[in-house]
Amino acid sequence: MLKMIEGKKIVPLEVARSEYPKTKKIFIVTDMANMSDIKGYLYMVSEDITSFDDLCQERYKLYDKGIQSIIIGSYENGGAIGVQYEF
């Protein structure tokens, strides 16, 4: 299930990564002037692998509108951060 994030609180990318642990998120990029301090806001959260395809579709819609975004986070379903396993 996807969850839309209310509000557009601009935060550094590293802060956004730590919000909503064990999820994947769409992060809308608003400022890339300093590549070591990318800023933006969380747009949508995918709480489990069953909604990952839907999250990707939302990201494609943003891309088609010319909105720069990235998918961040991890479900941590492999036991380690960033490792993904499928059955």
PDB file of N, CA and C in Angstrom:
ATOM      1  N   MET A   1       0.837  -1.180   0.000  1.00  0.00           N
ATOM      2  CA  MET A   1       0.000   0.000   0.000  1.00  0.00           C
ATOM      3  C   MET A   1       0.885   1.248   0.000  1.00  0.00           C
ATOM      4  N   LEU A   2       0.541   2.193  -0.828  1.00  0.00           N
ATOM      5  CA  LEU A   2       1.269   3.453  -0.885  1.00  0.00           C
ATOM      6  C   LEU A   2       0.634   4.465   0.051  1.00  0.00           C
ATOM      7  N   LYS A   3       1.487   5.289   0.605  1.00  0.00           N
ATOM      8  CA  LYS A   3       1.012   6.330   1.520  1.00  0.00           C
ATOM      9  C   LYS A   3       1.554   7.678   1.034  1.00  0.00           C
ATOM     10  N   MET A   4       0.653   8.614   0.752  1.00  0.00           N
ATOM     11  CA  MET A   4       1.041   9.958   0.331  1.00  0.00           C
ATOM     12  C   MET A   4       1.486  10.738   1.571  1.00  0.00           C
ATOM     13  N   ILE A   5       2.585  11.470   1.452  1.00  0.00           N
ATOM     14  CA  ILE A   5       3.099  12.269   2.557  1.00  0.00           C
ATOM     15  C   ILE A   5       2.476  13.657   2.489  1.00  0.00           C
ATOM     16  N   GLU A   6       1.842  14.064   3.568  1.00  0.00           N
ATOM     17  CA  GLU A   6       1.232  15.390   3.650  1.00  0.00           C
ATOM     18  C   GLU A   6       2.310  16.439   3.904  1.00  0.00           C
ATOM     19  N   GLY A   7       2.182  17.577   3.280  1.00  0.00           N
ATOM     20  CA  GLY A   7       3.137  18.667   3.472  1.00  0.00           C
ATOM     21  C   GLY A   7       4.381  18.480   2.629  1.00  0.00           C
ATOM     22  N   LYS A   8       5.106  19.534   2.456  1.00  0.00           N
ATOM     23  CA  LYS A   8       6.321  19.514   1.638  1.00  0.00           C
ATOM     24  C   LYS A   8       7.466  20.113   2.429  1.00  0.00           C
ATOM     25  N   LYS A   9       7.829  19.472   3.531  1.00  0.00           N
ATOM     26  CA  LYS A   9       8.919  19.938   4.376  1.00  0.00           C
ATOM     27  C   LYS A   9      10.248  19.643   3.674  1.00  0.00           C
ATOM     28  N   ILE A  10      10.968  20.694   3.283  1.00  0.00           N
ATOM     29  CA  ILE A  10      12.251  20.551   2.592  1.00  0.00           C
ATOM     30  C   ILE A  10      13.309  20.102   3.595  1.00  0.00           C
ATOM     31  N   VAL A  11      13.958  18.968   3.266  1.00  0.00           N
ATOM     32  CA  VAL A  11      14.996  18.407   4.130  1.00  0.00           C
ATOM     33  C   VAL A  11      16.158  17.911   3.271  1.00  0.00           C
ATOM     34  N   PRO A  12      17.340  17.772   3.864  1.00  0.00           N
ATOM     35  CA  PRO A  12      18.449  17.149   3.128  1.00  0.00           C
ATOM     36  C   PRO A  12      18.130  15.681   2.837  1.00  0.00           C
ATOM     37  N   LEU A  13      18.707  15.158   1.787  1.00  0.00           N
ATOM     38  CA  LEU A  13      18.490  13.770   1.377  1.00  0.00           C
ATOM     39  C   LEU A  13      18.797  12.803   2.519  1.00  0.00           C
ATOM     40  N   GLU A  14      19.866  13.028   3.246  1.00  0.00           N
ATOM     41  CA  GLU A  14      20.245  12.127   4.341  1.00  0.00           C
ATOM     42  C   GLU A  14      19.191  12.094   5.437  1.00  0.00           C
ATOM     43  N   VAL A  15      18.543  13.198   5.708  1.00  0.00           N
ATOM     44  CA  VAL A  15      17.465  13.223   6.706  1.00  0.00           C
ATOM     45  C   VAL A  15      16.272  12.433   6.182  1.00  0.00           C
ATOM     46  N   ALA A  16      15.941  12.613   4.912  1.00  0.00           N
ATOM     47  CA  ALA A  16      14.807  11.904   4.309  1.00  0.00           C
ATOM     48  C   ALA A  16      15.029  10.396   4.334  1.00  0.00           C
ATOM     49  N   ARG A  17      16.272   9.970   4.149  1.00  0.00           N
ATOM     50  CA  ARG A  17      16.572   8.532   4.177  1.00  0.00           C
ATOM     51  C   ARG A  17      16.239   7.911   5.529  1.00  0.00           C
ATOM     52  N   SER A  18      16.402   8.667   6.605  1.00  0.00           N
ATOM     53  CA  SER A  18      16.193   8.115   7.947  1.00  0.00           C
ATOM     54  C   SER A  18      14.720   8.144   8.387  1.00  0.00           C
ATOM     55  N   GLU A  19      13.900   8.929   7.708  1.00  0.00           N
ATOM     56  CA  GLU A  19      12.470   8.969   8.049  1.00  0.00           C
ATOM     57  C   GLU A  19      11.773   7.738   7.466  1.00  0.00           C
ATOM     58  N   TYR A  20      10.794   7.229   8.144  1.00  0.00           N
ATOM     59  CA  TYR A  20      10.040   6.040   7.746  1.00  0.00           C
ATOM     60  C   TYR A  20      10.984   4.862   7.494  1.00  0.00           C
ATOM     61  N   PRO A  21      11.601   4.334   8.553  1.00  0.00           N
ATOM     62  CA  PRO A  21      12.531   3.212   8.382  1.00  0.00           C
ATOM     63  C   PRO A  21      11.852   1.976   7.794  1.00  0.00           C
ATOM     64  N   LYS A  22      12.638   1.163   7.133  1.00  0.00           N
ATOM     65  CA  LYS A  22      12.205  -0.094   6.507  1.00  0.00           C
ATOM     66  C   LYS A  22      11.104   0.125   5.472  1.00  0.00           C
ATOM     67  N   THR A  23      11.224   1.212   4.713  1.00  0.00           N
ATOM     68  CA  THR A  23      10.302   1.513   3.620  1.00  0.00           C
ATOM     69  C   THR A  23      11.098   2.044   2.436  1.00  0.00           C
ATOM     70  N   LYS A  24      10.469   2.064   1.281  1.00  0.00           N
ATOM     71  CA  LYS A  24      11.030   2.764   0.121  1.00  0.00           C
ATOM     72  C   LYS A  24      10.175   4.000  -0.082  1.00  0.00           C
ATOM     73  N   LYS A  25      10.813   5.078  -0.535  1.00  0.00           N
ATOM     74  CA  LYS A  25      10.148   6.367  -0.629  1.00  0.00           C
ATOM     75  C   LYS A  25      10.498   7.074  -1.920  1.00  0.00           C
ATOM     76  N   ILE A  26       9.582   7.918  -2.382  1.00  0.00           N
ATOM     77  CA  ILE A  26       9.893   8.830  -3.482  1.00  0.00           C
ATOM     78  C   ILE A  26      10.309  10.150  -2.852  1.00  0.00           C
ATOM     79  N   PHE A  27      11.479  10.613  -3.252  1.00  0.00           N
ATOM     80  CA  PHE A  27      12.040  11.879  -2.776  1.00  0.00           C
ATOM     81  C   PHE A  27      12.051  12.849  -3.944  1.00  0.00           C
ATOM     82  N   ILE A  28      11.318  13.960  -3.828  1.00  0.00           N
ATOM     83  CA  ILE A  28      11.280  14.995  -4.868  1.00  0.00           C
ATOM     84  C   ILE A  28      12.461  15.926  -4.638  1.00  0.00           C
ATOM     85  N   VAL A  29      13.318  16.052  -5.634  1.00  0.00           N
ATOM     86  CA  VAL A  29      14.509  16.893  -5.535  1.00  0.00           C
ATOM     87  C   VAL A  29      14.131  18.333  -5.858  1.00  0.00           C
ATOM     88  N   THR A  30      14.469  19.242  -4.933  1.00  0.00           N
ATOM     89  CA  THR A  30      14.191  20.666  -5.155  1.00  0.00           C
ATOM     90  C   THR A  30      15.466  21.483  -5.321  1.00  0.00           C
ATOM     91  N   ASP A  31      16.605  20.964  -4.820  1.00  0.00           N
ATOM     92  CA  ASP A  31      17.863  21.721  -4.880  1.00  0.00           C
ATOM     93  C   ASP A  31      19.038  20.763  -4.992  1.00  0.00           C
ATOM     94  N   MET A  32      19.724  20.832  -6.141  1.00  0.00           N
ATOM     95  CA  MET A  32      20.926  20.028  -6.350  1.00  0.00           C
ATOM     96  C   MET A  32      22.128  20.924  -6.618  1.00  0.00           C
ATOM     97  N   ALA A  33      22.090  22.155  -6.156  1.00  0.00           N
ATOM     98  CA  ALA A  33      23.198  23.081  -6.381  1.00  0.00           C
ATOM     99  C   ALA A  33      24.482  22.551  -5.739  1.00  0.00           C
ATOM    100  N   ASN A  34      24.351  21.918  -4.582  1.00  0.00           N
ATOM    101  CA  ASN A  34      25.487  21.318  -3.891  1.00  0.00           C
ATOM    102  C   ASN A  34      25.229  19.819  -3.847  1.00  0.00           C
ATOM    103  N   MET A  35      25.951  19.056  -4.677  1.00  0.00           N
ATOM    104  CA  MET A  35      25.704  17.616  -4.791  1.00  0.00           C
ATOM    105  C   MET A  35      25.936  16.857  -3.488  1.00  0.00           C
ATOM    106  N   SER A  36      26.693  17.422  -2.568  1.00  0.00           N
ATOM    107  CA  SER A  36      26.902  16.751  -1.285  1.00  0.00           C
ATOM    108  C   SER A  36      25.809  17.110  -0.285  1.00  0.00           C
ATOM    109  N   ASP A  37      24.880  17.977  -0.681  1.00  0.00           N
ATOM    110  CA  ASP A  37      23.788  18.385   0.199  1.00  0.00           C
ATOM    111  C   ASP A  37      22.508  18.572  -0.621  1.00  0.00           C
ATOM    112  N   ILE A  38      22.030  17.481  -1.216  1.00  0.00           N
ATOM    113  CA  ILE A  38      20.808  17.519  -2.027  1.00  0.00           C
ATOM    114  C   ILE A  38      19.611  17.725  -1.110  1.00  0.00           C
ATOM    115  N   LYS A  39      18.709  18.605  -1.526  1.00  0.00           N
ATOM    116  CA  LYS A  39      17.534  18.904  -0.707  1.00  0.00           C
ATOM    117  C   LYS A  39      16.251  18.606  -1.489  1.00  0.00           C
ATOM    118  N   GLY A  40      15.198  18.331  -0.746  1.00  0.00           N
ATOM    119  CA  GLY A  40      13.910  18.046  -1.342  1.00  0.00           C
ATOM    120  C   GLY A  40      12.925  17.625  -0.272  1.00  0.00           C
ATOM    121  N   TYR A  41      11.893  16.905  -0.689  1.00  0.00           N
ATOM    122  CA  TYR A  41      10.887  16.468   0.275  1.00  0.00           C
ATOM    123  C   TYR A  41      10.370  15.082  -0.094  1.00  0.00           C
ATOM    124  N   LEU A  42       9.874  14.374   0.922  1.00  0.00           N
ATOM    125  CA  LEU A  42       9.281  13.065   0.706  1.00  0.00           C
ATOM    126  C   LEU A  42       7.895  13.239   0.107  1.00  0.00           C
ATOM    127  N   TYR A  43       7.604  12.440  -0.892  1.00  0.00           N
ATOM    128  CA  TYR A  43       6.335  12.537  -1.612  1.00  0.00           C
ATOM    129  C   TYR A  43       5.411  11.345  -1.313  1.00  0.00           C
ATOM    130  N   MET A  44       6.000  10.143  -1.333  1.00  0.00           N
ATOM    131  CA  MET A  44       5.181   8.941  -1.168  1.00  0.00           C
ATOM    132  C   MET A  44       6.026   7.832  -0.546  1.00  0.00           C
ATOM    133  N   VAL A  45       5.362   6.956   0.236  1.00  0.00           N
ATOM    134  CA  VAL A  45       6.046   5.862   0.922  1.00  0.00           C
ATOM    135  C   VAL A  45       5.411   4.536   0.521  1.00  0.00           C
ATOM    136  N   SER A  46       6.261   3.551   0.255  1.00  0.00           N
ATOM    137  CA  SER A  46       5.839   2.173   0.020  1.00  0.00           C
ATOM    138  C   SER A  46       6.285   1.371   1.240  1.00  0.00           C
ATOM    139  N   GLU A  47       5.312   0.801   1.960  1.00  0.00           N
ATOM    140  CA  GLU A  47       5.634   0.132   3.212  1.00  0.00           C
ATOM    141  C   GLU A  47       6.056  -1.323   3.038  1.00  0.00           C
ATOM    142  N   ASP A  48       5.779  -1.937   1.886  1.00  0.00           N
ATOM    143  CA  ASP A  48       6.218  -3.316   1.668  1.00  0.00           C
ATOM    144  C   ASP A  48       6.402  -3.583   0.181  1.00  0.00           C
ATOM    145  N   ILE A  49       7.056  -4.696  -0.103  1.00  0.00           N
ATOM    146  CA  ILE A  49       7.450  -5.040  -1.468  1.00  0.00           C
ATOM    147  C   ILE A  49       6.247  -5.164  -2.408  1.00  0.00           C
ATOM    148  N   THR A  50       5.076  -5.480  -1.884  1.00  0.00           N
ATOM    149  CA  THR A  50       3.902  -5.652  -2.751  1.00  0.00           C
ATOM    150  C   THR A  50       3.476  -4.348  -3.416  1.00  0.00           C
ATOM    151  N   SER A  51       3.882  -3.214  -2.861  1.00  0.00           N
ATOM    152  CA  SER A  51       3.504  -1.927  -3.460  1.00  0.00           C
ATOM    153  C   SER A  51       4.667  -1.250  -4.192  1.00  0.00           C
ATOM    154  N   PHE A  52       5.784  -1.968  -4.339  1.00  0.00           N
ATOM    155  CA  PHE A  52       6.944  -1.356  -4.993  1.00  0.00           C
ATOM    156  C   PHE A  52       6.661  -1.001  -6.451  1.00  0.00           C
ATOM    157  N   ASP A  53       5.971  -1.874  -7.185  1.00  0.00           N
ATOM    158  CA  ASP A  53       5.646  -1.566  -8.590  1.00  0.00           C
ATOM    159  C   ASP A  53       4.787  -0.311  -8.696  1.00  0.00           C
ATOM    160  N   ASP A  54       3.852  -0.150  -7.763  1.00  0.00           N
ATOM    161  CA  ASP A  54       3.012   1.049  -7.748  1.00  0.00           C
ATOM    162  C   ASP A  54       3.858   2.294  -7.471  1.00  0.00           C
ATOM    163  N   LEU A  55       4.849   2.152  -6.580  1.00  0.00           N
ATOM    164  CA  LEU A  55       5.745   3.271  -6.281  1.00  0.00           C
ATOM    165  C   LEU A  55       6.526   3.669  -7.539  1.00  0.00           C
ATOM    166  N   CYS A  56       6.997   2.680  -8.268  1.00  0.00           N
ATOM    167  CA  CYS A  56       7.722   2.952  -9.511  1.00  0.00           C
ATOM    168  C   CYS A  56       6.825   3.651 -10.529  1.00  0.00           C
ATOM    169  N   GLN A  57       5.569   3.238 -10.631  1.00  0.00           N
ATOM    170  CA  GLN A  57       4.630   3.878 -11.555  1.00  0.00           C
ATOM    171  C   GLN A  57       4.422   5.351 -11.192  1.00  0.00           C
ATOM    172  N   GLU A  58       4.327   5.634  -9.901  1.00  0.00           N
ATOM    173  CA  GLU A  58       4.185   7.028  -9.451  1.00  0.00           C
ATOM    174  C   GLU A  58       5.423   7.831  -9.822  1.00  0.00           C
ATOM    175  N   ARG A  59       6.584   7.223  -9.699  1.00  0.00           N
ATOM    176  CA  ARG A  59       7.838   7.897 -10.036  1.00  0.00           C
ATOM    177  C   ARG A  59       7.882   8.196 -11.544  1.00  0.00           C
ATOM    178  N   TYR A  60       7.414   7.255 -12.366  1.00  0.00           N
ATOM    179  CA  TYR A  60       7.355   7.475 -13.818  1.00  0.00           C
ATOM    180  C   TYR A  60       6.411   8.625 -14.163  1.00  0.00           C
ATOM    181  N   LYS A  61       5.288   8.734 -13.457  1.00  0.00           N
ATOM    182  CA  LYS A  61       4.351   9.835 -13.686  1.00  0.00           C
ATOM    183  C   LYS A  61       5.014  11.176 -13.389  1.00  0.00           C
ATOM    184  N   LEU A  62       5.783  11.227 -12.310  1.00  0.00           N
ATOM    185  CA  LEU A  62       6.506  12.458 -11.973  1.00  0.00           C
ATOM    186  C   LEU A  62       7.518  12.791 -13.065  1.00  0.00           C
ATOM    187  N   TYR A  63       8.231  11.776 -13.538  1.00  0.00           N
ATOM    188  CA  TYR A  63       9.225  11.969 -14.597  1.00  0.00           C
ATOM    189  C   TYR A  63       8.565  12.541 -15.852  1.00  0.00           C
ATOM    190  N   ASP A  64       7.407  11.989 -16.225  1.00  0.00           N
ATOM    191  CA  ASP A  64       6.688  12.470 -17.412  1.00  0.00           C
ATOM    192  C   ASP A  64       6.263  13.927 -17.273  1.00  0.00           C
ATOM    193  N   LYS A  65       6.050  14.381 -16.035  1.00  0.00           N
ATOM    194  CA  LYS A  65       5.685  15.776 -15.771  1.00  0.00           C
ATOM    195  C   LYS A  65       6.912  16.677 -15.647  1.00  0.00           C
ATOM    196  N   GLY A  66       8.110  16.100 -15.756  1.00  0.00           N
ATOM    197  CA  GLY A  66       9.334  16.882 -15.651  1.00  0.00           C
ATOM    198  C   GLY A  66       9.772  17.157 -14.221  1.00  0.00           C
ATOM    199  N   ILE A  67       9.242  16.388 -13.272  1.00  0.00           N
ATOM    200  CA  ILE A  67       9.599  16.564 -11.859  1.00  0.00           C
ATOM    201  C   ILE A  67      10.726  15.602 -11.524  1.00  0.00           C
ATOM    202  N   GLN A  68      11.824  16.152 -11.021  1.00  0.00           N
ATOM    203  CA  GLN A  68      12.986  15.334 -10.691  1.00  0.00           C
ATOM    204  C   GLN A  68      12.780  14.636  -9.359  1.00  0.00           C
ATOM    205  N   SER A  69      12.876  13.306  -9.356  1.00  0.00           N
ATOM    206  CA  SER A  69      12.675  12.541  -8.134  1.00  0.00           C
ATOM    207  C   SER A  69      13.544  11.293  -8.158  1.00  0.00           C
ATOM    208  N   ILE A  70      13.733  10.709  -6.974  1.00  0.00           N
ATOM    209  CA  ILE A  70      14.485   9.464  -6.855  1.00  0.00           C
ATOM    210  C   ILE A  70      13.764   8.564  -5.852  1.00  0.00           C
ATOM    211  N   ILE A  71      13.995   7.266  -5.988  1.00  0.00           N
ATOM    212  CA  ILE A  71      13.475   6.313  -5.006  1.00  0.00           C
ATOM    213  C   ILE A  71      14.597   6.026  -4.025  1.00  0.00           C
ATOM    214  N   ILE A  72      14.293   6.184  -2.747  1.00  0.00           N
ATOM    215  CA  ILE A  72      15.289   5.969  -1.696  1.00  0.00           C
ATOM    216  C   ILE A  72      14.740   4.979  -0.676  1.00  0.00           C
ATOM    217  N   GLY A  73      15.612   4.475   0.171  1.00  0.00           N
ATOM    218  CA  GLY A  73      15.197   3.611   1.268  1.00  0.00           C
ATOM    219  C   GLY A  73      15.360   2.143   0.958  1.00  0.00           C
ATOM    220  N   SER A  74      14.988   1.325   1.945  1.00  0.00           N
ATOM    221  CA  SER A  74      15.100  -0.121   1.835  1.00  0.00           C
ATOM    222  C   SER A  74      14.048  -0.767   2.722  1.00  0.00           C
ATOM    223  N   TYR A  75      13.482  -1.865   2.228  1.00  0.00           N
ATOM    224  CA  TYR A  75      12.556  -2.631   3.050  1.00  0.00           C
ATOM    225  C   TYR A  75      13.325  -3.443   4.097  1.00  0.00           C
ATOM    226  N   GLU A  76      14.607  -3.589   3.879  1.00  0.00           N
ATOM    227  CA  GLU A  76      15.499  -4.374   4.744  1.00  0.00           C
ATOM    228  C   GLU A  76      15.001  -5.797   4.904  1.00  0.00           C
ATOM    229  N   ASN A  77      14.394  -6.328   3.854  1.00  0.00           N
ATOM    230  CA  ASN A  77      13.886  -7.692   3.914  1.00  0.00           C
ATOM    231  C   ASN A  77      14.970  -8.734   3.678  1.00  0.00           C
ATOM    232  N   GLY A  78      16.185  -8.294   3.466  1.00  0.00           N
ATOM    233  CA  GLY A  78      17.294  -9.223   3.311  1.00  0.00           C
ATOM    234  C   GLY A  78      18.144  -9.302   4.557  1.00  0.00           C
ATOM    235  N   GLY A  79      17.812  -8.523   5.559  1.00  0.00           N
ATOM    236  CA  GLY A  79      18.551  -8.558   6.796  1.00  0.00           C
ATOM    237  C   GLY A  79      19.635  -7.509   6.883  1.00  0.00           C
ATOM    238  N   ALA A  80      19.959  -6.874   5.772  1.00  0.00           N
ATOM    239  CA  ALA A  80      20.975  -5.833   5.773  1.00  0.00           C
ATOM    240  C   ALA A  80      20.465  -4.664   4.948  1.00  0.00           C
ATOM    241  N   ILE A  81      20.862  -3.483   5.314  1.00  0.00           N
ATOM    242  CA  ILE A  81      20.408  -2.288   4.609  1.00  0.00           C
ATOM    243  C   ILE A  81      20.832  -2.348   3.152  1.00  0.00           C
ATOM    244  N   GLY A  82      19.879  -2.147   2.275  1.00  0.00           N
ATOM    245  CA  GLY A  82      20.162  -2.101   0.839  1.00  0.00           C
ATOM    246  C   GLY A  82      20.146  -3.448   0.146  1.00  0.00           C
ATOM    247  N   VAL A  83      20.055  -4.545   0.889  1.00  0.00           N
ATOM    248  CA  VAL A  83      20.040  -5.876   0.280  1.00  0.00           C
ATOM    249  C   VAL A  83      18.595  -6.303   0.079  1.00  0.00           C
ATOM    250  N   GLN A  84      18.261  -6.699  -1.133  1.00  0.00           N
ATOM    251  CA  GLN A  84      16.898  -7.103  -1.441  1.00  0.00           C
ATOM    252  C   GLN A  84      16.889  -8.572  -1.862  1.00  0.00           C
ATOM    253  N   TYR A  85      15.951  -9.320  -1.349  1.00  0.00           N
ATOM    254  CA  TYR A  85      15.762 -10.712  -1.733  1.00  0.00           C
ATOM    255  C   TYR A  85      14.321 -10.894  -2.193  1.00  0.00           C
ATOM    256  N   GLU A  86      14.138 -11.685  -3.199  1.00  0.00           N
ATOM    257  CA  GLU A  86      12.787 -12.023  -3.644  1.00  0.00           C
ATOM    258  C   GLU A  86      12.654 -13.526  -3.651  1.00  0.00           C
ATOM    259  N   PHE A  87      11.450 -14.006  -3.397  1.00  0.00           N
ATOM    260  CA  PHE A  87      11.179 -15.450  -3.384  1.00  0.00           C
ATOM    261  C   PHE A  87      10.313 -15.828  -4.557  1.00  0.00           C
TER     262      PHE A  87
END
